[in-house]
Amino acid sequence: MPVETDNDLLIFLNPDEFGVEARYVCRDPAVEPKDIPGQFDDEGSNWNPNRWNGTEFQMQMGASVTSTGPTFLCRTSDLNKGGRKGEKLTIKNKKLGVEQEYRIEDKRPDGTGMTLLLLMAND
C-alpha cells in the first residue's frame, strides 16, 4: 500500500508547474473520456526495424530494438482498468497550443500508486 494518498501524488503532476493535462480514452465505449494530469516525456526516438538495411540472415533472425520513446507518468487510479494497450491519450501542450494523440503500447505500474505509460504516436 502506498504511503502517499492520491491527493499527495497530485503534487508531482501539477500542470501549472511541470505536468501536463491529457485526455484519456478507454477502449470500453461505456467509459467516458476524461482529463488526467501527468508528466509527459518525449525524449528518445521511435525506430522502425522494418526499415533497417540489415542482411537477409539478420532479418530472418528478427532483429530487436530497445529504445526510449514518449512516456506519460500518471496516477494508477486515473486509468480505467489500468491503461490497456491500444487505448488513446491526447497530450495537451498549453504553452504551444497544440495537441498530439498517442496510443498506449505498454504500462509499467511502480507499486507506489503511479504508472508509466509507454506511448507511440498515433499518426
C-alpha atoms as a PDB file:
ATOM      1  CA  MET A   1       0.000   0.000   0.000  1.00  0.00           C
ATOM      2  CA  PRO A   2       1.451   3.382  -0.955  1.00  0.00           C
ATOM      3  CA  VAL A   3       2.390   5.860   1.733  1.00  0.00           C
ATOM      4  CA  GLU A   4       1.093   8.815  -0.269  1.00  0.00           C
ATOM      5  CA  THR A   5      -2.598   9.326  -0.956  1.00  0.00           C
ATOM      6  CA  ASP A   6      -3.943  10.090  -4.440  1.00  0.00           C
ATOM      7  CA  ASN A   7      -4.113  13.766  -3.447  1.00  0.00           C
ATOM      8  CA  ASP A   8      -0.467  13.691  -2.315  1.00  0.00           C
ATOM      9  CA  LEU A   9       0.581  12.325  -5.714  1.00  0.00           C
ATOM     10  CA  LEU A  10      -1.064  15.282  -7.493  1.00  0.00           C
ATOM     11  CA  ILE A  11       1.780  17.489  -6.210  1.00  0.00           C
ATOM     12  CA  PHE A  12       4.118  15.803  -8.699  1.00  0.00           C
ATOM     13  CA  LEU A  13       1.710  16.212 -11.625  1.00  0.00           C
ATOM     14  CA  ASN A  14       0.668  19.865 -11.373  1.00  0.00           C
ATOM     15  CA  PRO A  15       0.071  21.171 -14.952  1.00  0.00           C
ATOM     16  CA  ASP A  16       0.895  24.724 -13.828  1.00  0.00           C
ATOM     17  CA  GLU A  17       4.432  23.681 -12.905  1.00  0.00           C
ATOM     18  CA  PHE A  18       5.933  20.685 -14.732  1.00  0.00           C
ATOM     19  CA  GLY A  19       2.971  18.445 -15.503  1.00  0.00           C
ATOM     20  CA  VAL A  20       0.520  18.391 -18.405  1.00  0.00           C
ATOM     21  CA  GLU A  21      -3.134  17.550 -18.930  1.00  0.00           C
ATOM     22  CA  ALA A  22      -4.011  14.611 -21.135  1.00  0.00           C
ATOM     23  CA  ARG A  23      -7.319  13.280 -22.455  1.00  0.00           C
ATOM     24  CA  TYR A  24      -7.528   9.555 -21.644  1.00  0.00           C
ATOM     25  CA  VAL A  25      -9.863   7.450 -23.807  1.00  0.00           C
ATOM     26  CA  CYS A  26     -10.602   3.928 -22.582  1.00  0.00           C
ATOM     27  CA  ARG A  27     -11.294   1.102 -25.081  1.00  0.00           C
ATOM     28  CA  ASP A  28     -14.587   0.449 -23.299  1.00  0.00           C
ATOM     29  CA  PRO A  29     -17.177   2.692 -25.051  1.00  0.00           C
ATOM     30  CA  ALA A  30     -19.272   2.786 -21.858  1.00  0.00           C
ATOM     31  CA  VAL A  31     -16.475   4.671 -20.070  1.00  0.00           C
ATOM     32  CA  GLU A  32     -16.421   8.428 -20.652  1.00  0.00           C
ATOM     33  CA  PRO A  33     -13.109  10.013 -21.754  1.00  0.00           C
ATOM     34  CA  LYS A  34     -11.539  12.107 -19.017  1.00  0.00           C
ATOM     35  CA  ASP A  35      -8.729  14.586 -18.474  1.00  0.00           C
ATOM     36  CA  ILE A  36      -5.915  13.356 -16.248  1.00  0.00           C
ATOM     37  CA  PRO A  37      -2.758  15.105 -15.007  1.00  0.00           C
ATOM     38  CA  GLY A  38       0.669  13.592 -15.593  1.00  0.00           C
ATOM     39  CA  GLN A  39       4.272  14.114 -16.610  1.00  0.00           C
ATOM     40  CA  PHE A  40       4.947  13.772 -20.329  1.00  0.00           C
ATOM     41  CA  ASP A  41       8.422  12.970 -21.627  1.00  0.00           C
ATOM     42  CA  ASP A  42       9.079  12.871 -25.367  1.00  0.00           C
ATOM     43  CA  GLU A  43      12.833  12.325 -25.173  1.00  0.00           C
ATOM     44  CA  GLY A  44      14.038   9.463 -27.307  1.00  0.00           C
ATOM     45  CA  SER A  45      13.149   8.148 -30.694  1.00  0.00           C
ATOM     46  CA  ASN A  46      10.812   5.737 -32.425  1.00  0.00           C
ATOM     47  CA  TRP A  47      12.706   3.395 -34.714  1.00  0.00           C
ATOM     48  CA  ASN A  48      11.010   1.055 -37.136  1.00  0.00           C
ATOM     49  CA  PRO A  49      13.130  -2.110 -37.538  1.00  0.00           C
ATOM     50  CA  ASN A  50      11.308  -2.902 -40.806  1.00  0.00           C
ATOM     51  CA  ARG A  51      13.237  -0.040 -42.437  1.00  0.00           C
ATOM     52  CA  TRP A  52      16.605  -1.437 -41.366  1.00  0.00           C
ATOM     53  CA  ASN A  53      19.019  -2.385 -44.148  1.00  0.00           C
ATOM     54  CA  GLY A  54      20.496  -5.461 -42.456  1.00  0.00           C
ATOM     55  CA  THR A  55      21.489  -8.651 -44.227  1.00  0.00           C
ATOM     56  CA  GLU A  56      18.923 -11.303 -45.169  1.00  0.00           C
ATOM     57  CA  PHE A  57      20.232 -13.526 -42.346  1.00  0.00           C
ATOM     58  CA  GLN A  58      19.842 -10.744 -39.778  1.00  0.00           C
ATOM     59  CA  MET A  59      16.308 -10.002 -40.968  1.00  0.00           C
ATOM     60  CA  GLN A  60      15.331 -13.671 -40.568  1.00  0.00           C
ATOM     61  CA  MET A  61      16.735 -13.764 -37.047  1.00  0.00           C
ATOM     62  CA  GLY A  62      14.362 -10.977 -36.031  1.00  0.00           C
ATOM     63  CA  ALA A  63      16.491  -8.031 -35.000  1.00  0.00           C
ATOM     64  CA  SER A  64      15.085  -6.477 -31.850  1.00  0.00           C
ATOM     65  CA  VAL A  65      15.361  -2.877 -30.742  1.00  0.00           C
ATOM     66  CA  THR A  66      15.017  -1.456 -27.271  1.00  0.00           C
ATOM     67  CA  SER A  67      14.635   2.286 -27.158  1.00  0.00           C
ATOM     68  CA  THR A  68      13.087   5.035 -25.144  1.00  0.00           C
ATOM     69  CA  GLY A  69      10.188   6.931 -26.589  1.00  0.00           C
ATOM     70  CA  PRO A  70       7.320   9.084 -25.422  1.00  0.00           C
ATOM     71  CA  THR A  71       6.152   8.263 -21.903  1.00  0.00           C
ATOM     72  CA  PHE A  72       3.423   9.538 -19.594  1.00  0.00           C
ATOM     73  CA  LEU A  73       3.628   9.163 -15.813  1.00  0.00           C
ATOM     74  CA  CYS A  74       0.280   9.362 -14.014  1.00  0.00           C
ATOM     75  CA  ARG A  75      -1.643   8.083 -11.023  1.00  0.00           C
ATOM     76  CA  THR A  76      -2.737   4.479 -11.457  1.00  0.00           C
ATOM     77  CA  SER A  77      -6.158   5.386 -10.069  1.00  0.00           C
ATOM     78  CA  ASP A  78      -6.754   7.751 -13.035  1.00  0.00           C
ATOM     79  CA  LEU A  79      -6.577   4.866 -15.520  1.00  0.00           C
ATOM     80  CA  ASN A  80      -9.743   2.857 -16.077  1.00  0.00           C
ATOM     81  CA  LYS A  81      -8.831  -0.832 -15.826  1.00  0.00           C
ATOM     82  CA  GLY A  82      -5.187   0.137 -15.575  1.00  0.00           C
ATOM     83  CA  GLY A  83      -4.449   1.666 -19.007  1.00  0.00           C
ATOM     84  CA  ARG A  84      -4.600  -1.099 -21.571  1.00  0.00           C
ATOM     85  CA  LYS A  85      -2.665  -1.419 -24.820  1.00  0.00           C
ATOM     86  CA  GLY A  86      -4.364   0.381 -27.683  1.00  0.00           C
ATOM     87  CA  GLU A  87      -6.139   2.983 -25.577  1.00  0.00           C
ATOM     88  CA  LYS A  88      -5.707   6.631 -26.569  1.00  0.00           C
ATOM     89  CA  LEU A  89      -4.025   9.505 -24.776  1.00  0.00           C
ATOM     90  CA  THR A  90      -4.062  13.038 -26.175  1.00  0.00           C
ATOM     91  CA  ILE A  91      -1.364  15.259 -24.677  1.00  0.00           C
ATOM     92  CA  LYS A  92      -2.327  18.930 -24.446  1.00  0.00           C
ATOM     93  CA  ASN A  93       0.589  21.360 -24.677  1.00  0.00           C
ATOM     94  CA  LYS A  94      -0.890  24.634 -23.424  1.00  0.00           C
ATOM     95  CA  LYS A  95       2.346  26.560 -23.976  1.00  0.00           C
ATOM     96  CA  LEU A  96       2.491  25.688 -27.676  1.00  0.00           C
ATOM     97  CA  GLY A  97      -1.272  25.455 -28.138  1.00  0.00           C
ATOM     98  CA  VAL A  98      -1.095  22.012 -29.770  1.00  0.00           C
ATOM     99  CA  GLU A  99      -2.362  18.531 -29.057  1.00  0.00           C
ATOM    100  CA  GLN A 100      -0.790  15.210 -30.047  1.00  0.00           C
ATOM    101  CA  GLU A 101      -2.600  11.894 -29.938  1.00  0.00           C
ATOM    102  CA  TYR A 102      -0.770   8.765 -28.778  1.00  0.00           C
ATOM    103  CA  ARG A 103      -1.772   5.155 -28.233  1.00  0.00           C
ATOM    104  CA  ILE A 104      -0.692   3.195 -25.191  1.00  0.00           C
ATOM    105  CA  GLU A 105       1.783   0.453 -26.101  1.00  0.00           C
ATOM    106  CA  ASP A 106       2.656  -0.769 -22.609  1.00  0.00           C
ATOM    107  CA  LYS A 107       2.242   0.154 -18.964  1.00  0.00           C
ATOM    108  CA  ARG A 108       4.576  -0.118 -16.013  1.00  0.00           C
ATOM    109  CA  PRO A 109       2.964   0.349 -12.598  1.00  0.00           C
ATOM    110  CA  ASP A 110       5.600   1.097  -9.978  1.00  0.00           C
ATOM    111  CA  GLY A 111       3.742  -0.161  -6.901  1.00  0.00           C
ATOM    112  CA  THR A 112       3.504   3.285  -5.300  1.00  0.00           C
ATOM    113  CA  GLY A 113       0.285   4.380  -6.990  1.00  0.00           C
ATOM    114  CA  MET A 114       1.946   5.684 -10.157  1.00  0.00           C
ATOM    115  CA  THR A 115       2.048   4.103 -13.629  1.00  0.00           C
ATOM    116  CA  LEU A 116       4.403   4.851 -16.503  1.00  0.00           C
ATOM    117  CA  LEU A 117       2.705   4.510 -19.884  1.00  0.00           C
ATOM    118  CA  LEU A 118       4.874   3.801 -22.922  1.00  0.00           C
ATOM    119  CA  LEU A 119       3.369   5.607 -25.893  1.00  0.00           C
ATOM    120  CA  MET A 120       3.507   5.512 -29.682  1.00  0.00           C
ATOM    121  CA  ALA A 121       2.483   8.492 -31.815  1.00  0.00           C
ATOM    122  CA  ASN A 122      -0.919   7.831 -33.376  1.00  0.00           C
ATOM    123  CA  ASP A 123      -0.284   9.177 -36.886  1.00  0.00           C
END
